[in-house]
Amino acid sequence: MGGYASPGGAGSPVTAVARYAGHLDLFTVGTDNRVWSAWWSASGGWSSWFQLGTLVARTGSTVNVLARHADHLNLFTTAPDGKIVSIWWNARSGWAGWFQLGLT
């Protein structure tokens, strides 16, 4: 799923997290309303932008990210129907699929 992020528009800022020294992970919602990511490492430089799954996010959504530890990320954004959705990544298994949070 390599490629380029469609440029984010108003309401779609880039969210970044440093899981450890020498590494950054970036996330945004592109103008195609897909969630995109890229990363940077001190040893390898910048990756290409890549799409995270098949989710189409609500227009103007922001991606929020939490690094619970160096080998795990949790992302949160809003689906087109206004519900909160999440996806996670860990170093051992990679990216999971998007799922809706069961909050009421």
PDB file of N, CA and C in Angstrom:
ATOM      1  N   MET A   1       0.821  -1.185   0.000  1.00  0.00           N
ATOM      2  CA  MET A   1       0.000   0.000   0.000  1.00  0.00           C
ATOM      3  C   MET A   1       0.867   1.251   0.000  1.00  0.00           C
ATOM      4  N   GLY A   2       1.941   1.282  -0.722  1.00  0.00           N
ATOM      5  CA  GLY A   2       2.777   2.478  -0.780  1.00  0.00           C
ATOM      6  C   GLY A   2       2.131   3.534  -1.638  1.00  0.00           C
ATOM      7  N   GLY A   3       2.600   4.737  -1.529  1.00  0.00           N
ATOM      8  CA  GLY A   3       2.058   5.799  -2.356  1.00  0.00           C
ATOM      9  C   GLY A   3       2.216   7.134  -1.701  1.00  0.00           C
ATOM     10  N   TYR A   4       1.370   8.029  -2.068  1.00  0.00           N
ATOM     11  CA  TYR A   4       1.437   9.395  -1.569  1.00  0.00           C
ATOM     12  C   TYR A   4       0.143   9.738  -0.866  1.00  0.00           C
ATOM     13  N   ALA A   5       0.253  10.489   0.211  1.00  0.00           N
ATOM     14  CA  ALA A   5      -0.937  10.978   0.888  1.00  0.00           C
ATOM     15  C   ALA A   5      -1.515  12.096   0.052  1.00  0.00           C
ATOM     16  N   SER A   6      -2.813  12.040  -0.167  1.00  0.00           N
ATOM     17  CA  SER A   6      -3.415  13.198  -0.802  1.00  0.00           C
ATOM     18  C   SER A   6      -3.264  14.337   0.200  1.00  0.00           C
ATOM     19  N   PRO A   7      -2.935  15.511  -0.244  1.00  0.00           N
ATOM     20  CA  PRO A   7      -2.659  16.589   0.712  1.00  0.00           C
ATOM     21  C   PRO A   7      -3.829  16.810   1.648  1.00  0.00           C
ATOM     22  N   GLY A   8      -3.521  16.912   2.921  1.00  0.00           N
ATOM     23  CA  GLY A   8      -4.561  17.189   3.910  1.00  0.00           C
ATOM     24  C   GLY A   8      -5.083  18.598   3.718  1.00  0.00           C
ATOM     25  N   GLY A   9      -6.329  18.784   3.995  1.00  0.00           N
ATOM     26  CA  GLY A   9      -6.926  20.102   3.877  1.00  0.00           C
ATOM     27  C   GLY A   9      -7.194  20.692   5.248  1.00  0.00           C
ATOM     28  N   ALA A  10      -7.908  21.776   5.281  1.00  0.00           N
ATOM     29  CA  ALA A  10      -8.281  22.411   6.542  1.00  0.00           C
ATOM     30  C   ALA A  10      -9.003  21.395   7.415  1.00  0.00           C
ATOM     31  N   GLY A  11      -8.652  21.335   8.679  1.00  0.00           N
ATOM     32  CA  GLY A  11      -9.266  20.393   9.602  1.00  0.00           C
ATOM     33  C   GLY A  11      -8.603  19.038   9.621  1.00  0.00           C
ATOM     34  N   SER A  12      -7.549  18.848   8.842  1.00  0.00           N
ATOM     35  CA  SER A  12      -6.839  17.568   8.820  1.00  0.00           C
ATOM     36  C   SER A  12      -5.356  17.782   9.124  1.00  0.00           C
ATOM     37  N   PRO A  13      -5.042  18.124  10.369  1.00  0.00           N
ATOM     38  CA  PRO A  13      -3.639  18.351  10.706  1.00  0.00           C
ATOM     39  C   PRO A  13      -2.839  17.059  10.729  1.00  0.00           C
ATOM     40  N   VAL A  14      -1.543  17.202  10.720  1.00  0.00           N
ATOM     41  CA  VAL A  14      -0.641  16.064  10.882  1.00  0.00           C
ATOM     42  C   VAL A  14      -0.421  15.859  12.373  1.00  0.00           C
ATOM     43  N   THR A  15      -0.605  14.638  12.828  1.00  0.00           N
ATOM     44  CA  THR A  15      -0.362  14.263  14.214  1.00  0.00           C
ATOM     45  C   THR A  15       0.918  13.445  14.259  1.00  0.00           C
ATOM     46  N   ALA A  16       1.781  13.726  15.217  1.00  0.00           N
ATOM     47  CA  ALA A  16       3.072  13.043  15.298  1.00  0.00           C
ATOM     48  C   ALA A  16       3.294  12.488  16.696  1.00  0.00           C
ATOM     49  N   VAL A  17       4.066  11.415  16.757  1.00  0.00           N
ATOM     50  CA  VAL A  17       4.463  10.832  18.035  1.00  0.00           C
ATOM     51  C   VAL A  17       5.889  10.309  17.895  1.00  0.00           C
ATOM     52  N   ALA A  18       6.672  10.491  18.952  1.00  0.00           N
ATOM     53  CA  ALA A  18       8.031   9.953  19.022  1.00  0.00           C
ATOM     54  C   ALA A  18       7.995   8.777  19.985  1.00  0.00           C
ATOM     55  N   ARG A  19       8.016   7.569  19.451  1.00  0.00           N
ATOM     56  CA  ARG A  19       7.962   6.373  20.303  1.00  0.00           C
ATOM     57  C   ARG A  19       9.264   6.160  21.059  1.00  0.00           C
ATOM     58  N   TYR A  20      10.362   6.632  20.478  1.00  0.00           N
ATOM     59  CA  TYR A  20      11.672   6.556  21.125  1.00  0.00           C
ATOM     60  C   TYR A  20      12.594   7.523  20.399  1.00  0.00           C
ATOM     61  N   ALA A  21      13.747   7.788  20.979  1.00  0.00           N
ATOM     62  CA  ALA A  21      14.700   8.719  20.368  1.00  0.00           C
ATOM     63  C   ALA A  21      15.105   8.216  18.980  1.00  0.00           C
ATOM     64  N   GLY A  22      15.133   9.102  18.011  1.00  0.00           N
ATOM     65  CA  GLY A  22      15.548   8.735  16.659  1.00  0.00           C
ATOM     66  C   GLY A  22      14.443   8.165  15.792  1.00  0.00           C
ATOM     67  N   HIS A  23      13.169   8.315  16.195  1.00  0.00           N
ATOM     68  CA  HIS A  23      12.069   7.787  15.392  1.00  0.00           C
ATOM     69  C   HIS A  23      10.825   8.650  15.579  1.00  0.00           C
ATOM     70  N   LEU A  24      10.142   8.971  14.464  1.00  0.00           N
ATOM     71  CA  LEU A  24       8.872   9.698  14.481  1.00  0.00           C
ATOM     72  C   LEU A  24       7.851   8.945  13.639  1.00  0.00           C
ATOM     73  N   ASP A  25       6.586   8.965  14.071  1.00  0.00           N
ATOM     74  CA  ASP A  25       5.475   8.436  13.291  1.00  0.00           C
ATOM     75  C   ASP A  25       4.506   9.579  13.053  1.00  0.00           C
ATOM     76  N   LEU A  26       4.063   9.779  11.801  1.00  0.00           N
ATOM     77  CA  LEU A  26       3.135  10.845  11.426  1.00  0.00           C
ATOM     78  C   LEU A  26       1.843  10.242  10.895  1.00  0.00           C
ATOM     79  N   PHE A  27       0.713  10.942  11.153  1.00  0.00           N
ATOM     80  CA  PHE A  27      -0.605  10.482  10.719  1.00  0.00           C
ATOM     81  C   PHE A  27      -1.430  11.678  10.285  1.00  0.00           C
ATOM     82  N   THR A  28      -2.240  11.492   9.252  1.00  0.00           N
ATOM     83  CA  THR A  28      -3.156  12.544   8.795  1.00  0.00           C
ATOM     84  C   THR A  28      -4.329  11.904   8.067  1.00  0.00           C
ATOM     85  N   VAL A  29      -5.389  12.674   7.917  1.00  0.00           N
ATOM     86  CA  VAL A  29      -6.502  12.281   7.052  1.00  0.00           C
ATOM     87  C   VAL A  29      -6.330  13.070   5.762  1.00  0.00           C
ATOM     88  N   GLY A  30      -6.206  12.360   4.651  1.00  0.00           N
ATOM     89  CA  GLY A  30      -5.993  13.014   3.367  1.00  0.00           C
ATOM     90  C   GLY A  30      -7.278  13.585   2.798  1.00  0.00           C
ATOM     91  N   THR A  31      -7.162  14.296   1.703  1.00  0.00           N
ATOM     92  CA  THR A  31      -8.346  14.851   1.046  1.00  0.00           C
ATOM     93  C   THR A  31      -9.248  13.748   0.494  1.00  0.00           C
ATOM     94  N   ASP A  32      -8.728  12.517   0.428  1.00  0.00           N
ATOM     95  CA  ASP A  32      -9.539  11.357   0.046  1.00  0.00           C
ATOM     96  C   ASP A  32     -10.250  10.753   1.259  1.00  0.00           C
ATOM     97  N   ASN A  33     -10.086  11.386   2.429  1.00  0.00           N
ATOM     98  CA  ASN A  33     -10.674  10.944   3.699  1.00  0.00           C
ATOM     99  C   ASN A  33     -10.155   9.592   4.172  1.00  0.00           C
ATOM    100  N   ARG A  34      -9.037   9.164   3.666  1.00  0.00           N
ATOM    101  CA  ARG A  34      -8.354   7.952   4.141  1.00  0.00           C
ATOM    102  C   ARG A  34      -7.297   8.374   5.159  1.00  0.00           C
ATOM    103  N   VAL A  35      -6.966   7.470   6.072  1.00  0.00           N
ATOM    104  CA  VAL A  35      -5.920   7.750   7.052  1.00  0.00           C
ATOM    105  C   VAL A  35      -4.584   7.314   6.461  1.00  0.00           C
ATOM    106  N   TRP A  36      -3.609   8.224   6.514  1.00  0.00           N
ATOM    107  CA  TRP A  36      -2.288   8.004   5.951  1.00  0.00           C
ATOM    108  C   TRP A  36      -1.231   8.135   7.033  1.00  0.00           C
ATOM    109  N   SER A  37      -0.109   7.450   6.835  1.00  0.00           N
ATOM    110  CA  SER A  37       0.990   7.504   7.791  1.00  0.00           C
ATOM    111  C   SER A  37       2.318   7.547   7.050  1.00  0.00           C
ATOM    112  N   ALA A  38       3.306   8.088   7.722  1.00  0.00           N
ATOM    113  CA  ALA A  38       4.698   8.041   7.272  1.00  0.00           C
ATOM    114  C   ALA A  38       5.545   8.006   8.533  1.00  0.00           C
ATOM    115  N   TRP A  39       6.776   7.587   8.413  1.00  0.00           N
ATOM    116  CA  TRP A  39       7.667   7.570   9.574  1.00  0.00           C
ATOM    117  C   TRP A  39       9.055   8.030   9.170  1.00  0.00           C
ATOM    118  N   TRP A  40       9.793   8.437  10.165  1.00  0.00           N
ATOM    119  CA  TRP A  40      11.178   8.875   9.991  1.00  0.00           C
ATOM    120  C   TRP A  40      12.028   8.175  11.031  1.00  0.00           C
ATOM    121  N   SER A  41      13.209   7.723  10.615  1.00  0.00           N
ATOM    122  CA  SER A  41      14.183   7.187  11.565  1.00  0.00           C
ATOM    123  C   SER A  41      15.534   7.824  11.287  1.00  0.00           C
ATOM    124  N   ALA A  42      16.295   8.003  12.328  1.00  0.00           N
ATOM    125  CA  ALA A  42      17.617   8.613  12.202  1.00  0.00           C
ATOM    126  C   ALA A  42      18.514   7.788  11.285  1.00  0.00           C
ATOM    127  N   SER A  43      18.326   6.479  11.271  1.00  0.00           N
ATOM    128  CA  SER A  43      19.191   5.621  10.453  1.00  0.00           C
ATOM    129  C   SER A  43      18.750   5.504   9.003  1.00  0.00           C
ATOM    130  N   GLY A  44      17.443   5.724   8.712  1.00  0.00           N
ATOM    131  CA  GLY A  44      16.962   5.503   7.354  1.00  0.00           C
ATOM    132  C   GLY A  44      16.255   6.660   6.689  1.00  0.00           C
ATOM    133  N   GLY A  45      15.988   7.735   7.432  1.00  0.00           N
ATOM    134  CA  GLY A  45      15.298   8.873   6.848  1.00  0.00           C
ATOM    135  C   GLY A  45      13.793   8.646   6.778  1.00  0.00           C
ATOM    136  N   TRP A  46      13.138   9.325   5.815  1.00  0.00           N
ATOM    137  CA  TRP A  46      11.679   9.295   5.685  1.00  0.00           C
ATOM    138  C   TRP A  46      11.205   8.130   4.844  1.00  0.00           C
ATOM    139  N   SER A  47      10.094   7.531   5.268  1.00  0.00           N
ATOM    140  CA  SER A  47       9.404   6.521   4.464  1.00  0.00           C
ATOM    141  C   SER A  47       8.478   7.245   3.488  1.00  0.00           C
ATOM    142  N   SER A  48       7.882   6.486   2.584  1.00  0.00           N
ATOM    143  CA  SER A  48       6.802   7.013   1.756  1.00  0.00           C
ATOM    144  C   SER A  48       5.526   7.012   2.590  1.00  0.00           C
ATOM    145  N   TRP A  49       4.564   7.849   2.205  1.00  0.00           N
ATOM    146  CA  TRP A  49       3.248   7.813   2.845  1.00  0.00           C
ATOM    147  C   TRP A  49       2.568   6.509   2.480  1.00  0.00           C
ATOM    148  N   PHE A  50       1.824   5.924   3.406  1.00  0.00           N
ATOM    149  CA  PHE A  50       1.057   4.720   3.139  1.00  0.00           C
ATOM    150  C   PHE A  50      -0.298   4.808   3.826  1.00  0.00           C
ATOM    151  N   GLN A  51      -1.278   4.186   3.226  1.00  0.00           N
ATOM    152  CA  GLN A  51      -2.655   4.207   3.727  1.00  0.00           C
ATOM    153  C   GLN A  51      -2.826   3.142   4.799  1.00  0.00           C
ATOM    154  N   LEU A  52      -3.563   3.489   5.865  1.00  0.00           N
ATOM    155  CA  LEU A  52      -3.837   2.533   6.936  1.00  0.00           C
ATOM    156  C   LEU A  52      -5.224   1.919   6.745  1.00  0.00           C
ATOM    157  N   GLY A  53      -5.269   0.734   6.209  1.00  0.00           N
ATOM    158  CA  GLY A  53      -6.523   0.029   6.019  1.00  0.00           C
ATOM    159  C   GLY A  53      -7.421   0.688   4.989  1.00  0.00           C
ATOM    160  N   THR A  54      -8.699   0.364   5.060  1.00  0.00           N
ATOM    161  CA  THR A  54      -9.661   0.840   4.066  1.00  0.00           C
ATOM    162  C   THR A  54     -10.643   1.859   4.628  1.00  0.00           C
ATOM    163  N   LEU A  55     -10.452   2.275   5.859  1.00  0.00           N
ATOM    164  CA  LEU A  55     -11.385   3.217   6.482  1.00  0.00           C
ATOM    165  C   LEU A  55     -11.486   4.509   5.684  1.00  0.00           C
ATOM    166  N   VAL A  56     -12.713   4.965   5.489  1.00  0.00           N
ATOM    167  CA  VAL A  56     -12.968   6.311   4.989  1.00  0.00           C
ATOM    168  C   VAL A  56     -13.430   7.107   6.207  1.00  0.00           C
ATOM    169  N   ALA A  57     -12.640   8.082   6.626  1.00  0.00           N
ATOM    170  CA  ALA A  57     -12.941   8.871   7.816  1.00  0.00           C
ATOM    171  C   ALA A  57     -13.917   9.991   7.487  1.00  0.00           C
ATOM    172  N   ARG A  58     -14.542  10.523   8.514  1.00  0.00           N
ATOM    173  CA  ARG A  58     -15.430  11.674   8.361  1.00  0.00           C
ATOM    174  C   ARG A  58     -14.608  12.854   7.854  1.00  0.00           C
ATOM    175  N   THR A  59     -15.146  13.625   6.943  1.00  0.00           N
ATOM    176  CA  THR A  59     -14.468  14.811   6.419  1.00  0.00           C
ATOM    177  C   THR A  59     -14.061  15.727   7.567  1.00  0.00           C
ATOM    178  N   GLY A  60     -12.807  16.181   7.550  1.00  0.00           N
ATOM    179  CA  GLY A  60     -12.299  17.077   8.586  1.00  0.00           C
ATOM    180  C   GLY A  60     -11.852  16.384   9.856  1.00  0.00           C
ATOM    181  N   SER A  61     -11.830  15.061   9.869  1.00  0.00           N
ATOM    182  CA  SER A  61     -11.417  14.325  11.064  1.00  0.00           C
ATOM    183  C   SER A  61      -9.939  14.530  11.361  1.00  0.00           C
ATOM    184  N   THR A  62      -9.617  14.392  12.620  1.00  0.00           N
ATOM    185  CA  THR A  62      -8.235  14.407  13.099  1.00  0.00           C
ATOM    186  C   THR A  62      -7.887  13.007  13.565  1.00  0.00           C
ATOM    187  N   VAL A  63      -6.657  12.590  13.353  1.00  0.00           N
ATOM    188  CA  VAL A  63      -6.168  11.323  13.881  1.00  0.00           C
ATOM    189  C   VAL A  63      -5.427  11.641  15.178  1.00  0.00           C
ATOM    190  N   ASN A  64      -5.811  10.977  16.256  1.00  0.00           N
ATOM    191  CA  ASN A  64      -5.100  11.101  17.519  1.00  0.00           C
ATOM    192  C   ASN A  64      -4.336   9.821  17.757  1.00  0.00           C
ATOM    193  N   VAL A  65      -3.132   9.943  18.316  1.00  0.00           N
ATOM    194  CA  VAL A  65      -2.275   8.778  18.494  1.00  0.00           C
ATOM    195  C   VAL A  65      -1.720   8.746  19.908  1.00  0.00           C
ATOM    196  N   LEU A  66      -1.569   7.557  20.425  1.00  0.00           N
ATOM    197  CA  LEU A  66      -0.995   7.328  21.740  1.00  0.00           C
ATOM    198  C   LEU A  66       0.031   6.219  21.621  1.00  0.00           C
ATOM    199  N   ALA A  67       1.227   6.449  22.113  1.00  0.00           N
ATOM    200  CA  ALA A  67       2.260   5.415  22.184  1.00  0.00           C
ATOM    201  C   ALA A  67       2.287   4.912  23.619  1.00  0.00           C
ATOM    202  N   ARG A  68       1.681   3.758  23.863  1.00  0.00           N
ATOM    203  CA  ARG A  68       1.649   3.220  25.222  1.00  0.00           C
ATOM    204  C   ARG A  68       3.029   2.762  25.666  1.00  0.00           C
ATOM    205  N   HIS A  69       3.848   2.351  24.707  1.00  0.00           N
ATOM    206  CA  HIS A  69       5.271   2.062  24.906  1.00  0.00           C
ATOM    207  C   HIS A  69       5.915   2.046  23.528  1.00  0.00           C
ATOM    208  N   ALA A  70       7.215   1.856  23.455  1.00  0.00           N
ATOM    209  CA  ALA A  70       7.951   2.008  22.198  1.00  0.00           C
ATOM    210  C   ALA A  70       7.483   1.063  21.091  1.00  0.00           C
ATOM    211  N   ASP A  71       6.877  -0.061  21.451  1.00  0.00           N
ATOM    212  CA  ASP A  71       6.481  -1.051  20.457  1.00  0.00           C
ATOM    213  C   ASP A  71       4.971  -1.138  20.245  1.00  0.00           C
ATOM    214  N   HIS A  72       4.214  -0.085  20.638  1.00  0.00           N
ATOM    215  CA  HIS A  72       2.763  -0.150  20.492  1.00  0.00           C
ATOM    216  C   HIS A  72       2.175   1.242  20.274  1.00  0.00           C
ATOM    217  N   LEU A  73       1.307   1.361  19.254  1.00  0.00           N
ATOM    218  CA  LEU A  73       0.581   2.603  18.980  1.00  0.00           C
ATOM    219  C   LEU A  73      -0.910   2.332  18.956  1.00  0.00           C
ATOM    220  N   ASN A  74      -1.701   3.276  19.451  1.00  0.00           N
ATOM    221  CA  ASN A  74      -3.158   3.269  19.319  1.00  0.00           C
ATOM    222  C   ASN A  74      -3.559   4.539  18.589  1.00  0.00           C
ATOM    223  N   LEU A  75      -4.368   4.413  17.529  1.00  0.00           N
ATOM    224  CA  LEU A  75      -4.880   5.557  16.777  1.00  0.00           C
ATOM    225  C   LEU A  75      -6.386   5.642  16.939  1.00  0.00           C
ATOM    226  N   PHE A  76      -6.903   6.871  16.918  1.00  0.00           N
ATOM    227  CA  PHE A  76      -8.334   7.113  17.042  1.00  0.00           C
ATOM    228  C   PHE A  76      -8.732   8.196  16.056  1.00  0.00           C
ATOM    229  N   THR A  77      -9.892   8.010  15.413  1.00  0.00           N
ATOM    230  CA  THR A  77     -10.444   9.027  14.529  1.00  0.00           C
ATOM    231  C   THR A  77     -11.957   8.829  14.470  1.00  0.00           C
ATOM    232  N   THR A  78     -12.620   9.552  13.579  1.00  0.00           N
ATOM    233  CA  THR A  78     -14.072   9.516  13.483  1.00  0.00           C
ATOM    234  C   THR A  78     -14.496   8.942  12.133  1.00  0.00           C
ATOM    235  N   ALA A  79     -15.428   7.984  12.185  1.00  0.00           N
ATOM    236  CA  ALA A  79     -15.978   7.379  10.971  1.00  0.00           C
ATOM    237  C   ALA A  79     -17.008   8.329  10.354  1.00  0.00           C
ATOM    238  N   PRO A  80     -17.414   8.087   9.100  1.00  0.00           N
ATOM    239  CA  PRO A  80     -18.402   8.956   8.452  1.00  0.00           C
ATOM    240  C   PRO A  80     -19.715   9.104   9.225  1.00  0.00           C
ATOM    241  N   ASP A  81     -20.099   8.062   9.994  1.00  0.00           N
ATOM    242  CA  ASP A  81     -21.342   8.117  10.759  1.00  0.00           C
ATOM    243  C   ASP A  81     -21.169   8.801  12.113  1.00  0.00           C
ATOM    244  N   GLY A  82     -19.969   9.341  12.383  1.00  0.00           N
ATOM    245  CA  GLY A  82     -19.710  10.067  13.618  1.00  0.00           C
ATOM    246  C   GLY A  82     -19.236   9.197  14.767  1.00  0.00           C
ATOM    247  N   LYS A  83     -19.140   7.893  14.570  1.00  0.00           N
ATOM    248  CA  LYS A  83     -18.676   6.995  15.634  1.00  0.00           C
ATOM    249  C   LYS A  83     -17.154   6.991  15.708  1.00  0.00           C
ATOM    250  N   ILE A  84     -16.638   6.749  16.903  1.00  0.00           N
ATOM    251  CA  ILE A  84     -15.189   6.712  17.124  1.00  0.00           C
ATOM    252  C   ILE A  84     -14.671   5.341  16.712  1.00  0.00           C
ATOM    253  N   VAL A  85     -13.592   5.354  15.927  1.00  0.00           N
ATOM    254  CA  VAL A  85     -12.954   4.118  15.481  1.00  0.00           C
ATOM    255  C   VAL A  85     -11.489   4.143  15.869  1.00  0.00           C
ATOM    256  N   SER A  86     -10.901   2.943  15.918  1.00  0.00           N
ATOM    257  CA  SER A  86      -9.517   2.818  16.350  1.00  0.00           C
ATOM    258  C   SER A  86      -8.817   1.743  15.533  1.00  0.00           C
ATOM    259  N   ILE A  87      -7.512   1.834  15.529  1.00  0.00           N
ATOM    260  CA  ILE A  87      -6.644   0.818  14.946  1.00  0.00           C
ATOM    261  C   ILE A  87      -5.392   0.813  15.811  1.00  0.00           C
ATOM    262  N   TRP A  88      -4.710  -0.308  15.880  1.00  0.00           N
ATOM    263  CA  TRP A  88      -3.470  -0.349  16.660  1.00  0.00           C
ATOM    264  C   TRP A  88      -2.365  -1.023  15.861  1.00  0.00           C
ATOM    265  N   TRP A  89      -1.150  -0.756  16.301  1.00  0.00           N
ATOM    266  CA  TRP A  89       0.050  -1.341  15.705  1.00  0.00           C
ATOM    267  C   TRP A  89       0.951  -1.805  16.830  1.00  0.00           C
ATOM    268  N   ASN A  90       1.593  -2.954  16.630  1.00  0.00           N
ATOM    269  CA  ASN A  90       2.692  -3.321  17.520  1.00  0.00           C
ATOM    270  C   ASN A  90       3.809  -3.937  16.700  1.00  0.00           C
ATOM    271  N   ALA A  91       4.993  -3.895  17.262  1.00  0.00           N
ATOM    272  CA  ALA A  91       6.195  -4.309  16.527  1.00  0.00           C
ATOM    273  C   ALA A  91       6.159  -5.792  16.152  1.00  0.00           C
ATOM    274  N   ARG A  92       5.481  -6.593  16.912  1.00  0.00           N
ATOM    275  CA  ARG A  92       5.461  -8.031  16.665  1.00  0.00           C
ATOM    276  C   ARG A  92       4.517  -8.419  15.529  1.00  0.00           C
ATOM    277  N   SER A  93       3.306  -7.804  15.481  1.00  0.00           N
ATOM    278  CA  SER A  93       2.311  -8.259  14.503  1.00  0.00           C
ATOM    279  C   SER A  93       1.922  -7.218  13.460  1.00  0.00           C
ATOM    280  N   GLY A  94       2.394  -5.980  13.590  1.00  0.00           N
ATOM    281  CA  GLY A  94       2.066  -4.951  12.613  1.00  0.00           C
ATOM    282  C   GLY A  94       0.710  -4.322  12.895  1.00  0.00           C
ATOM    283  N   TRP A  95       0.048  -3.844  11.836  1.00  0.00           N
ATOM    284  CA  TRP A  95      -1.219  -3.137  11.966  1.00  0.00           C
ATOM    285  C   TRP A  95      -2.386  -4.105  12.063  1.00  0.00           C
ATOM    286  N   ALA A  96      -3.305  -3.816  12.982  1.00  0.00           N
ATOM    287  CA  ALA A  96      -4.587  -4.530  13.078  1.00  0.00           C
ATOM    288  C   ALA A  96      -5.561  -3.863  12.120  1.00  0.00           C
ATOM    289  N   GLY A  97      -6.805  -4.300  12.114  1.00  0.00           N
ATOM    290  CA  GLY A  97      -7.842  -3.647  11.311  1.00  0.00           C
ATOM    291  C   GLY A  97      -8.580  -2.589  12.119  1.00  0.00           C
ATOM    292  N   TRP A  98      -9.251  -1.690  11.418  1.00  0.00           N
ATOM    293  CA  TRP A  98     -10.054  -0.662  12.080  1.00  0.00           C
ATOM    294  C   TRP A  98     -11.242  -1.309  12.771  1.00  0.00           C
ATOM    295  N   PHE A  99     -11.607  -0.786  13.950  1.00  0.00           N
ATOM    296  CA  PHE A  99     -12.781  -1.278  14.661  1.00  0.00           C
ATOM    297  C   PHE A  99     -13.465  -0.106  15.363  1.00  0.00           C
ATOM    298  N   GLN A 100     -14.756  -0.257  15.572  1.00  0.00           N
ATOM    299  CA  GLN A 100     -15.534   0.775  16.249  1.00  0.00           C
ATOM    300  C   GLN A 100     -15.440   0.585  17.761  1.00  0.00           C
ATOM    301  N   LEU A 101     -15.245   1.670  18.496  1.00  0.00           N
ATOM    302  CA  LEU A 101     -15.238   1.568  19.946  1.00  0.00           C
ATOM    303  C   LEU A 101     -16.664   1.399  20.440  1.00  0.00           C
ATOM    304  N   GLY A 102     -16.832   0.580  21.452  1.00  0.00           N
ATOM    305  CA  GLY A 102     -18.154   0.291  21.993  1.00  0.00           C
ATOM    306  C   GLY A 102     -18.609   1.279  23.043  1.00  0.00           C
ATOM    307  N   LEU A 103     -18.278   2.555  22.870  1.00  0.00           N
ATOM    308  CA  LEU A 103     -18.668   3.573  23.842  1.00  0.00           C
ATOM    309  C   LEU A 103     -20.101   4.002  23.604  1.00  0.00           C
ATOM    310  N   THR A 104     -20.796   4.332  24.672  1.00  0.00           N
ATOM    311  CA  THR A 104     -22.153   4.837  24.516  1.00  0.00           C
ATOM    312  C   THR A 104     -22.262   6.233  25.085  1.00  0.00           C
TER     313      THR A 104
END
